[in-house]
Amino acid sequence: FLKSLAALAAAGVLPSTAFASANLKMMI
């Protein structure tokens, strides 16, 4: 499963839930 998830990430097609717990940058 983790290998599949990594492959999806490399292809840029991760589902939106995979963006959870991101390290965000906020321009003010």
mmCIF file of all heavy atoms, coordinates in Angstrom:
data_MODEL
# 
_entry.id   MODEL 
# 
loop_
_atom_site.group_PDB 
_atom_site.id 
_atom_site.type_symbol 
_atom_site.label_atom_id 
_atom_site.label_alt_id 
_atom_site.label_comp_id 
_atom_site.label_asym_id 
_atom_site.label_entity_id 
_atom_site.label_seq_id 
_atom_site.pdbx_PDB_ins_code 
_atom_site.Cartn_x 
_atom_site.Cartn_y 
_atom_site.Cartn_z 
_atom_site.occupancy 
_atom_site.B_iso_or_equiv 
_atom_site.pdbx_formal_charge 
_atom_site.auth_seq_id 
_atom_site.auth_comp_id 
_atom_site.auth_asym_id 
_atom_site.auth_atom_id 
_atom_site.pdbx_PDB_model_num 
ATOM 1   N N   . PHE A 1 1  ? 0.827  -1.207 0.000   1.00 0.00 ? 1  PHE A N   1 
ATOM 2   C CA  . PHE A 1 1  ? 0.000  0.000  0.000   1.00 0.00 ? 1  PHE A CA  1 
ATOM 3   C C   . PHE A 1 1  ? 0.862  1.258  0.000   1.00 0.00 ? 1  PHE A C   1 
ATOM 4   O O   . PHE A 1 1  ? 0.623  2.210  -0.744  1.00 0.00 ? 1  PHE A O   1 
ATOM 5   C CB  . PHE A 1 1  ? -0.916 -0.004 1.228   1.00 0.00 ? 1  PHE A CB  1 
ATOM 6   C CG  . PHE A 1 1  ? -1.636 1.301  1.460   1.00 0.00 ? 1  PHE A CG  1 
ATOM 7   C CD1 . PHE A 1 1  ? -2.710 1.672  0.665   1.00 0.00 ? 1  PHE A CD1 1 
ATOM 8   C CD2 . PHE A 1 1  ? -1.216 2.179  2.456   1.00 0.00 ? 1  PHE A CD2 1 
ATOM 9   C CE1 . PHE A 1 1  ? -3.361 2.891  0.870   1.00 0.00 ? 1  PHE A CE1 1 
ATOM 10  C CE2 . PHE A 1 1  ? -1.863 3.384  2.665   1.00 0.00 ? 1  PHE A CE2 1 
ATOM 11  C CZ  . PHE A 1 1  ? -2.942 3.737  1.869   1.00 0.00 ? 1  PHE A CZ  1 
ATOM 12  N N   . LEU A 1 2  ? 1.905  1.250  0.848   1.00 0.00 ? 2  LEU A N   1 
ATOM 13  C CA  . LEU A 1 2  ? 2.780  2.426  0.936   1.00 0.00 ? 2  LEU A CA  1 
ATOM 14  C C   . LEU A 1 2  ? 3.524  2.665  -0.364  1.00 0.00 ? 2  LEU A C   1 
ATOM 15  O O   . LEU A 1 2  ? 3.722  3.819  -0.782  1.00 0.00 ? 2  LEU A O   1 
ATOM 16  C CB  . LEU A 1 2  ? 3.765  2.257  2.092   1.00 0.00 ? 2  LEU A CB  1 
ATOM 17  C CG  . LEU A 1 2  ? 3.156  2.297  3.506   1.00 0.00 ? 2  LEU A CG  1 
ATOM 18  C CD1 . LEU A 1 2  ? 4.214  1.969  4.551   1.00 0.00 ? 2  LEU A CD1 1 
ATOM 19  C CD2 . LEU A 1 2  ? 2.533  3.651  3.780   1.00 0.00 ? 2  LEU A CD2 1 
ATOM 20  N N   . LYS A 1 3  ? 3.943  1.585  -1.032  1.00 0.00 ? 3  LYS A N   1 
ATOM 21  C CA  . LYS A 1 3  ? 4.617  1.729  -2.325  1.00 0.00 ? 3  LYS A CA  1 
ATOM 22  C C   . LYS A 1 3  ? 3.666  2.316  -3.359  1.00 0.00 ? 3  LYS A C   1 
ATOM 23  O O   . LYS A 1 3  ? 4.036  3.164  -4.167  1.00 0.00 ? 3  LYS A O   1 
ATOM 24  C CB  . LYS A 1 3  ? 5.151  0.379  -2.797  1.00 0.00 ? 3  LYS A CB  1 
ATOM 25  C CG  . LYS A 1 3  ? 6.366  -0.115 -2.022  1.00 0.00 ? 3  LYS A CG  1 
ATOM 26  C CD  . LYS A 1 3  ? 6.823  -1.480 -2.515  1.00 0.00 ? 3  LYS A CD  1 
ATOM 27  C CE  . LYS A 1 3  ? 8.025  -1.972 -1.710  1.00 0.00 ? 3  LYS A CE  1 
ATOM 28  N NZ  . LYS A 1 3  ? 8.450  -3.322 -2.161  1.00 0.00 ? 3  LYS A NZ  1 
ATOM 29  N N   . SER A 1 4  ? 2.412  1.871  -3.321  1.00 0.00 ? 4  SER A N   1 
ATOM 30  C CA  . SER A 1 4  ? 1.402  2.391  -4.253  1.00 0.00 ? 4  SER A CA  1 
ATOM 31  C C   . SER A 1 4  ? 1.159  3.869  -3.997  1.00 0.00 ? 4  SER A C   1 
ATOM 32  O O   . SER A 1 4  ? 1.030  4.671  -4.928  1.00 0.00 ? 4  SER A O   1 
ATOM 33  C CB  . SER A 1 4  ? 0.087  1.614  -4.094  1.00 0.00 ? 4  SER A CB  1 
ATOM 34  O OG  . SER A 1 4  ? 0.274  0.249  -4.382  1.00 0.00 ? 4  SER A OG  1 
ATOM 35  N N   . LEU A 1 5  ? 1.093  4.236  -2.722  1.00 0.00 ? 5  LEU A N   1 
ATOM 36  C CA  . LEU A 1 5  ? 0.868  5.632  -2.356  1.00 0.00 ? 5  LEU A CA  1 
ATOM 37  C C   . LEU A 1 5  ? 2.027  6.499  -2.828  1.00 0.00 ? 5  LEU A C   1 
ATOM 38  O O   . LEU A 1 5  ? 1.843  7.613  -3.347  1.00 0.00 ? 5  LEU A O   1 
ATOM 39  C CB  . LEU A 1 5  ? 0.723  5.746  -0.837  1.00 0.00 ? 5  LEU A CB  1 
ATOM 40  C CG  . LEU A 1 5  ? 0.085  7.031  -0.279  1.00 0.00 ? 5  LEU A CG  1 
ATOM 41  C CD1 . LEU A 1 5  ? -1.338 7.176  -0.784  1.00 0.00 ? 5  LEU A CD1 1 
ATOM 42  C CD2 . LEU A 1 5  ? 0.108  7.016  1.241   1.00 0.00 ? 5  LEU A CD2 1 
ATOM 43  N N   . ALA A 1 6  ? 3.246  5.988  -2.672  1.00 0.00 ? 6  ALA A N   1 
ATOM 44  C CA  . ALA A 1 6  ? 4.427  6.727  -3.122  1.00 0.00 ? 6  ALA A CA  1 
ATOM 45  C C   . ALA A 1 6  ? 4.412  6.911  -4.631  1.00 0.00 ? 6  ALA A C   1 
ATOM 46  O O   . ALA A 1 6  ? 4.782  7.975  -5.157  1.00 0.00 ? 6  ALA A O   1 
ATOM 47  C CB  . ALA A 1 6  ? 5.680  5.982  -2.692  1.00 0.00 ? 6  ALA A CB  1 
ATOM 48  N N   . ALA A 1 7  ? 3.954  5.886  -5.346  1.00 0.00 ? 7  ALA A N   1 
ATOM 49  C CA  . ALA A 1 7  ? 3.877  5.973  -6.806  1.00 0.00 ? 7  ALA A CA  1 
ATOM 50  C C   . ALA A 1 7  ? 2.861  7.019  -7.232  1.00 0.00 ? 7  ALA A C   1 
ATOM 51  O O   . ALA A 1 7  ? 3.089  7.797  -8.167  1.00 0.00 ? 7  ALA A O   1 
ATOM 52  C CB  . ALA A 1 7  ? 3.511  4.611  -7.388  1.00 0.00 ? 7  ALA A CB  1 
ATOM 53  N N   . LEU A 1 8  ? 1.735  7.049  -6.549  1.00 0.00 ? 8  LEU A N   1 
ATOM 54  C CA  . LEU A 1 8  ? 0.712  8.057  -6.852  1.00 0.00 ? 8  LEU A CA  1 
ATOM 55  C C   . LEU A 1 8  ? 1.242  9.457  -6.584  1.00 0.00 ? 8  LEU A C   1 
ATOM 56  O O   . LEU A 1 8  ? 0.991  10.398 -7.348  1.00 0.00 ? 8  LEU A O   1 
ATOM 57  C CB  . LEU A 1 8  ? -0.538 7.804  -5.996  1.00 0.00 ? 8  LEU A CB  1 
ATOM 58  C CG  . LEU A 1 8  ? -1.440 6.650  -6.420  1.00 0.00 ? 8  LEU A CG  1 
ATOM 59  C CD1 . LEU A 1 8  ? -2.496 6.378  -5.353  1.00 0.00 ? 8  LEU A CD1 1 
ATOM 60  C CD2 . LEU A 1 8  ? -2.111 6.938  -7.756  1.00 0.00 ? 8  LEU A CD2 1 
ATOM 61  N N   . ALA A 1 9  ? 1.984  9.611  -5.490  1.00 0.00 ? 9  ALA A N   1 
ATOM 62  C CA  . ALA A 1 9  ? 2.541  10.929 -5.150  1.00 0.00 ? 9  ALA A CA  1 
ATOM 63  C C   . ALA A 1 9  ? 3.506  11.389 -6.227  1.00 0.00 ? 9  ALA A C   1 
ATOM 64  O O   . ALA A 1 9  ? 3.511  12.547 -6.642  1.00 0.00 ? 9  ALA A O   1 
ATOM 65  C CB  . ALA A 1 9  ? 3.255  10.856 -3.800  1.00 0.00 ? 9  ALA A CB  1 
ATOM 66  N N   . ALA A 1 10 ? 4.344  10.457 -6.707  1.00 0.00 ? 10 ALA A N   1 
ATOM 67  C CA  . ALA A 1 10 ? 5.304  10.804 -7.751  1.00 0.00 ? 10 ALA A CA  1 
ATOM 68  C C   . ALA A 1 10 ? 4.607  11.210 -9.030  1.00 0.00 ? 10 ALA A C   1 
ATOM 69  O O   . ALA A 1 10 ? 5.078  12.065 -9.781  1.00 0.00 ? 10 ALA A O   1 
ATOM 70  C CB  . ALA A 1 10 ? 6.222  9.605  -8.014  1.00 0.00 ? 10 ALA A CB  1 
ATOM 71  N N   . ALA A 1 11 ? 3.448  10.612 -9.267  1.00 0.00 ? 11 ALA A N   1 
ATOM 72  C CA  . ALA A 1 11 ? 2.687  10.925 -10.488 1.00 0.00 ? 11 ALA A CA  1 
ATOM 73  C C   . ALA A 1 11 ? 1.824  12.160 -10.319 1.00 0.00 ? 11 ALA A C   1 
ATOM 74  O O   . ALA A 1 11 ? 1.210  12.646 -11.265 1.00 0.00 ? 11 ALA A O   1 
ATOM 75  C CB  . ALA A 1 11 ? 1.810  9.729  -10.869 1.00 0.00 ? 11 ALA A CB  1 
ATOM 76  N N   . GLY A 1 12 ? 1.754  12.682 -9.084  1.00 0.00 ? 12 GLY A N   1 
ATOM 77  C CA  . GLY A 1 12 ? 0.955  13.889 -8.825  1.00 0.00 ? 12 GLY A CA  1 
ATOM 78  C C   . GLY A 1 12 ? -0.534 13.633 -8.842  1.00 0.00 ? 12 GLY A C   1 
ATOM 79  O O   . GLY A 1 12 ? -1.321 14.531 -9.139  1.00 0.00 ? 12 GLY A O   1 
ATOM 80  N N   . VAL A 1 13 ? -0.952 12.397 -8.522  1.00 0.00 ? 13 VAL A N   1 
ATOM 81  C CA  . VAL A 1 13 ? -2.385 12.092 -8.576  1.00 0.00 ? 13 VAL A CA  1 
ATOM 82  C C   . VAL A 1 13 ? -2.894 11.587 -7.231  1.00 0.00 ? 13 VAL A C   1 
ATOM 83  O O   . VAL A 1 13 ? -3.817 10.793 -7.158  1.00 0.00 ? 13 VAL A O   1 
ATOM 84  C CB  . VAL A 1 13 ? -2.690 11.049 -9.674  1.00 0.00 ? 13 VAL A CB  1 
ATOM 85  C CG1 . VAL A 1 13 ? -2.470 11.632 -11.038 1.00 0.00 ? 13 VAL A CG1 1 
ATOM 86  C CG2 . VAL A 1 13 ? -1.840 9.780  -9.489  1.00 0.00 ? 13 VAL A CG2 1 
ATOM 87  N N   . LEU A 1 14 ? -2.286 12.027 -6.153  1.00 0.00 ? 14 LEU A N   1 
ATOM 88  C CA  . LEU A 1 14 ? -2.772 11.627 -4.847  1.00 0.00 ? 14 LEU A CA  1 
ATOM 89  C C   . LEU A 1 14 ? -4.170 12.179 -4.602  1.00 0.00 ? 14 LEU A C   1 
ATOM 90  O O   . LEU A 1 14 ? -4.486 13.304 -5.010  1.00 0.00 ? 14 LEU A O   1 
ATOM 91  C CB  . LEU A 1 14 ? -1.837 12.181 -3.759  1.00 0.00 ? 14 LEU A CB  1 
ATOM 92  C CG  . LEU A 1 14 ? -0.653 11.293 -3.356  1.00 0.00 ? 14 LEU A CG  1 
ATOM 93  C CD1 . LEU A 1 14 ? 0.216  12.065 -2.382  1.00 0.00 ? 14 LEU A CD1 1 
ATOM 94  C CD2 . LEU A 1 14 ? -1.125 10.005 -2.744  1.00 0.00 ? 14 LEU A CD2 1 
ATOM 95  N N   . PRO A 1 15 ? -5.034 11.435 -3.945  1.00 0.00 ? 15 PRO A N   1 
ATOM 96  C CA  . PRO A 1 15 ? -6.344 11.963 -3.595  1.00 0.00 ? 15 PRO A CA  1 
ATOM 97  C C   . PRO A 1 15 ? -6.194 13.114 -2.616  1.00 0.00 ? 15 PRO A C   1 
ATOM 98  O O   . PRO A 1 15 ? -5.179 13.230 -1.929  1.00 0.00 ? 15 PRO A O   1 
ATOM 99  C CB  . PRO A 1 15 ? -7.052 10.768 -2.932  1.00 0.00 ? 15 PRO A CB  1 
ATOM 100 C CG  . PRO A 1 15 ? -5.926 9.893  -2.445  1.00 0.00 ? 15 PRO A CG  1 
ATOM 101 C CD  . PRO A 1 15 ? -4.833 10.052 -3.462  1.00 0.00 ? 15 PRO A CD  1 
ATOM 102 N N   . SER A 1 16 ? -7.224 13.959 -2.537  1.00 0.00 ? 16 SER A N   1 
ATOM 103 C CA  . SER A 1 16 ? -7.116 15.173 -1.723  1.00 0.00 ? 16 SER A CA  1 
ATOM 104 C C   . SER A 1 16 ? -6.837 14.878 -0.262  1.00 0.00 ? 16 SER A C   1 
ATOM 105 O O   . SER A 1 16 ? -6.173 15.653 0.417   1.00 0.00 ? 16 SER A O   1 
ATOM 106 C CB  . SER A 1 16 ? -8.415 15.988 -1.843  1.00 0.00 ? 16 SER A CB  1 
ATOM 107 O OG  . SER A 1 16 ? -9.533 15.239 -1.412  1.00 0.00 ? 16 SER A OG  1 
ATOM 108 N N   . THR A 1 17 ? -7.307 13.722 0.256   1.00 0.00 ? 17 THR A N   1 
ATOM 109 C CA  . THR A 1 17 ? -7.079 13.434 1.659   1.00 0.00 ? 17 THR A CA  1 
ATOM 110 C C   . THR A 1 17 ? -5.606 13.243 1.970   1.00 0.00 ? 17 THR A C   1 
ATOM 111 O O   . THR A 1 17 ? -5.178 13.365 3.111   1.00 0.00 ? 17 THR A O   1 
ATOM 112 C CB  . THR A 1 17 ? -7.847 12.160 2.064   1.00 0.00 ? 17 THR A CB  1 
ATOM 113 O OG1 . THR A 1 17 ? -7.496 11.109 1.152   1.00 0.00 ? 17 THR A OG1 1 
ATOM 114 C CG2 . THR A 1 17 ? -9.337 12.386 2.035   1.00 0.00 ? 17 THR A CG2 1 
ATOM 115 N N   . ALA A 1 18 ? -4.803 12.931 0.949   1.00 0.00 ? 18 ALA A N   1 
ATOM 116 C CA  . ALA A 1 18 ? -3.378 12.711 1.180   1.00 0.00 ? 18 ALA A CA  1 
ATOM 117 C C   . ALA A 1 18 ? -2.629 14.006 1.447   1.00 0.00 ? 18 ALA A C   1 
ATOM 118 O O   . ALA A 1 18 ? -1.468 13.982 1.808   1.00 0.00 ? 18 ALA A O   1 
ATOM 119 C CB  . ALA A 1 18 ? -2.768 11.989 -0.011  1.00 0.00 ? 18 ALA A CB  1 
ATOM 120 N N   . PHE A 1 19 ? -3.284 15.147 1.243   1.00 0.00 ? 19 PHE A N   1 
ATOM 121 C CA  . PHE A 1 19 ? -2.637 16.421 1.500   1.00 0.00 ? 19 PHE A CA  1 
ATOM 122 C C   . PHE A 1 19 ? -2.770 16.804 2.969   1.00 0.00 ? 19 PHE A C   1 
ATOM 123 O O   . PHE A 1 19 ? -2.257 17.815 3.400   1.00 0.00 ? 19 PHE A O   1 
ATOM 124 C CB  . PHE A 1 19 ? -3.249 17.520 0.624   1.00 0.00 ? 19 PHE A CB  1 
ATOM 125 C CG  . PHE A 1 19 ? -2.799 17.466 -0.807  1.00 0.00 ? 19 PHE A CG  1 
ATOM 126 C CD1 . PHE A 1 19 ? -3.449 16.653 -1.722  1.00 0.00 ? 19 PHE A CD1 1 
ATOM 127 C CD2 . PHE A 1 19 ? -1.721 18.209 -1.239  1.00 0.00 ? 19 PHE A CD2 1 
ATOM 128 C CE1 . PHE A 1 19 ? -3.036 16.597 -3.040  1.00 0.00 ? 19 PHE A CE1 1 
ATOM 129 C CE2 . PHE A 1 19 ? -1.300 18.160 -2.556  1.00 0.00 ? 19 PHE A CE2 1 
ATOM 130 C CZ  . PHE A 1 19 ? -1.952 17.349 -3.463  1.00 0.00 ? 19 PHE A CZ  1 
ATOM 131 N N   . ALA A 1 20 ? -3.524 15.975 3.749   1.00 0.00 ? 20 ALA A N   1 
ATOM 132 C CA  . ALA A 1 20 ? -3.722 16.275 5.159   1.00 0.00 ? 20 ALA A CA  1 
ATOM 133 C C   . ALA A 1 20 ? -2.375 16.298 5.887   1.00 0.00 ? 20 ALA A C   1 
ATOM 134 O O   . ALA A 1 20 ? -1.416 15.638 5.488   1.00 0.00 ? 20 ALA A O   1 
ATOM 135 C CB  . ALA A 1 20 ? -4.644 15.250 5.784   1.00 0.00 ? 20 ALA A CB  1 
ATOM 136 N N   . SER A 1 21 ? -2.351 17.039 6.999   1.00 0.00 ? 21 SER A N   1 
ATOM 137 C CA  . SER A 1 21 ? -1.147 17.149 7.829   1.00 0.00 ? 21 SER A CA  1 
ATOM 138 C C   . SER A 1 21 ? 0.035  17.698 7.030   1.00 0.00 ? 21 SER A C   1 
ATOM 139 O O   . SER A 1 21 ? 1.156  17.232 7.155   1.00 0.00 ? 21 SER A O   1 
ATOM 140 C CB  . SER A 1 21 ? -0.793 15.789 8.441   1.00 0.00 ? 21 SER A CB  1 
ATOM 141 O OG  . SER A 1 21 ? -1.841 15.350 9.261   1.00 0.00 ? 21 SER A OG  1 
ATOM 142 N N   . ALA A 1 22 ? -0.217 18.687 6.197   1.00 0.00 ? 22 ALA A N   1 
ATOM 143 C CA  . ALA A 1 22 ? 0.833  19.290 5.381   1.00 0.00 ? 22 ALA A CA  1 
ATOM 144 C C   . ALA A 1 22 ? 1.623  20.310 6.190   1.00 0.00 ? 22 ALA A C   1 
ATOM 145 O O   . ALA A 1 22 ? 1.177  20.818 7.212   1.00 0.00 ? 22 ALA A O   1 
ATOM 146 C CB  . ALA A 1 22 ? 0.207  19.963 4.167   1.00 0.00 ? 22 ALA A CB  1 
ATOM 147 N N   . ASN A 1 23 ? 2.826  20.593 5.709   1.00 0.00 ? 23 ASN A N   1 
ATOM 148 C CA  . ASN A 1 23 ? 3.635  21.678 6.247   1.00 0.00 ? 23 ASN A CA  1 
ATOM 149 C C   . ASN A 1 23 ? 3.413  22.882 5.339   1.00 0.00 ? 23 ASN A C   1 
ATOM 150 O O   . ASN A 1 23 ? 3.967  22.942 4.242   1.00 0.00 ? 23 ASN A O   1 
ATOM 151 C CB  . ASN A 1 23 ? 5.110  21.273 6.283   1.00 0.00 ? 23 ASN A CB  1 
ATOM 152 C CG  . ASN A 1 23 ? 5.358  20.111 7.225   1.00 0.00 ? 23 ASN A CG  1 
ATOM 153 O OD1 . ASN A 1 23 ? 4.977  20.162 8.390   1.00 0.00 ? 23 ASN A OD1 1 
ATOM 154 N ND2 . ASN A 1 23 ? 5.986  19.057 6.732   1.00 0.00 ? 23 ASN A ND2 1 
ATOM 155 N N   . LEU A 1 24 ? 2.592  23.806 5.776   1.00 0.00 ? 24 LEU A N   1 
ATOM 156 C CA  . LEU A 1 24 ? 2.151  24.905 4.927   1.00 0.00 ? 24 LEU A CA  1 
ATOM 157 C C   . LEU A 1 24 ? 3.016  26.153 5.093   1.00 0.00 ? 24 LEU A C   1 
ATOM 158 O O   . LEU A 1 24 ? 3.621  26.372 6.136   1.00 0.00 ? 24 LEU A O   1 
ATOM 159 C CB  . LEU A 1 24 ? 0.693  25.250 5.235   1.00 0.00 ? 24 LEU A CB  1 
ATOM 160 C CG  . LEU A 1 24 ? -0.326 24.133 5.031   1.00 0.00 ? 24 LEU A CG  1 
ATOM 161 C CD1 . LEU A 1 24 ? -1.709 24.600 5.442   1.00 0.00 ? 24 LEU A CD1 1 
ATOM 162 C CD2 . LEU A 1 24 ? -0.333 23.661 3.581   1.00 0.00 ? 24 LEU A CD2 1 
ATOM 163 N N   . LYS A 1 25 ? 3.016  26.973 4.032   1.00 0.00 ? 25 LYS A N   1 
ATOM 164 C CA  . LYS A 1 25 ? 3.685  28.274 4.052   1.00 0.00 ? 25 LYS A CA  1 
ATOM 165 C C   . LYS A 1 25 ? 2.627  29.337 3.795   1.00 0.00 ? 25 LYS A C   1 
ATOM 166 O O   . LYS A 1 25 ? 1.877  29.244 2.825   1.00 0.00 ? 25 LYS A O   1 
ATOM 167 C CB  . LYS A 1 25 ? 4.769  28.332 2.976   1.00 0.00 ? 25 LYS A CB  1 
ATOM 168 C CG  . LYS A 1 25 ? 5.947  27.404 3.242   1.00 0.00 ? 25 LYS A CG  1 
ATOM 169 C CD  . LYS A 1 25 ? 6.870  27.307 2.057   1.00 0.00 ? 25 LYS A CD  1 
ATOM 170 C CE  . LYS A 1 25 ? 6.274  26.422 0.960   1.00 0.00 ? 25 LYS A CE  1 
ATOM 171 N NZ  . LYS A 1 25 ? 7.209  26.188 -0.153  1.00 0.00 ? 25 LYS A NZ  1 
ATOM 172 N N   . MET A 1 26 ? 2.565  30.342 4.652   1.00 0.00 ? 26 MET A N   1 
ATOM 173 C CA  . MET A 1 26 ? 1.540  31.379 4.559   1.00 0.00 ? 26 MET A CA  1 
ATOM 174 C C   . MET A 1 26 ? 2.184  32.734 4.258   1.00 0.00 ? 26 MET A C   1 
ATOM 175 O O   . MET A 1 26 ? 2.881  33.301 5.098   1.00 0.00 ? 26 MET A O   1 
ATOM 176 C CB  . MET A 1 26 ? 0.764  31.459 5.872   1.00 0.00 ? 26 MET A CB  1 
ATOM 177 C CG  . MET A 1 26 ? -0.372 32.456 5.870   1.00 0.00 ? 26 MET A CG  1 
ATOM 178 S SD  . MET A 1 26 ? -1.908 31.790 5.181   1.00 0.00 ? 26 MET A SD  1 
ATOM 179 C CE  . MET A 1 26 ? -2.332 30.569 6.428   1.00 0.00 ? 26 MET A CE  1 
ATOM 180 N N   . MET A 1 27 ? 1.950  33.247 3.054   1.00 0.00 ? 27 MET A N   1 
ATOM 181 C CA  . MET A 1 27 ? 2.401  34.587 2.714   1.00 0.00 ? 27 MET A CA  1 
ATOM 182 C C   . MET A 1 27 ? 1.381  35.593 3.246   1.00 0.00 ? 27 MET A C   1 
ATOM 183 O O   . MET A 1 27 ? 0.189  35.521 2.929   1.00 0.00 ? 27 MET A O   1 
ATOM 184 C CB  . MET A 1 27 ? 2.538  34.743 1.196   1.00 0.00 ? 27 MET A CB  1 
ATOM 185 C CG  . MET A 1 27 ? 2.650  36.191 0.703   1.00 0.00 ? 27 MET A CG  1 
ATOM 186 S SD  . MET A 1 27 ? 4.049  37.118 1.404   1.00 0.00 ? 27 MET A SD  1 
ATOM 187 C CE  . MET A 1 27 ? 5.422  36.330 0.558   1.00 0.00 ? 27 MET A CE  1 
ATOM 188 N N   . ILE A 1 28 ? 1.860  36.533 4.061   1.00 0.00 ? 28 ILE A N   1 
ATOM 189 C CA  . ILE A 1 28 ? 1.021  37.620 4.565   1.00 0.00 ? 28 ILE A CA  1 
ATOM 190 C C   . ILE A 1 28 ? 1.575  38.904 3.949   1.00 0.00 ? 28 ILE A C   1 
ATOM 191 O O   . ILE A 1 28 ? 2.622  39.398 4.380   1.00 0.00 ? 28 ILE A O   1 
ATOM 192 C CB  . ILE A 1 28 ? 1.063  37.688 6.101   1.00 0.00 ? 28 ILE A CB  1 
ATOM 193 C CG1 . ILE A 1 28 ? 0.560  36.357 6.696   1.00 0.00 ? 28 ILE A CG1 1 
ATOM 194 C CG2 . ILE A 1 28 ? 0.221  38.857 6.602   1.00 0.00 ? 28 ILE A CG2 1 
ATOM 195 C CD1 . ILE A 1 28 ? 0.714  36.248 8.195   1.00 0.00 ? 28 ILE A CD1 1 
# 
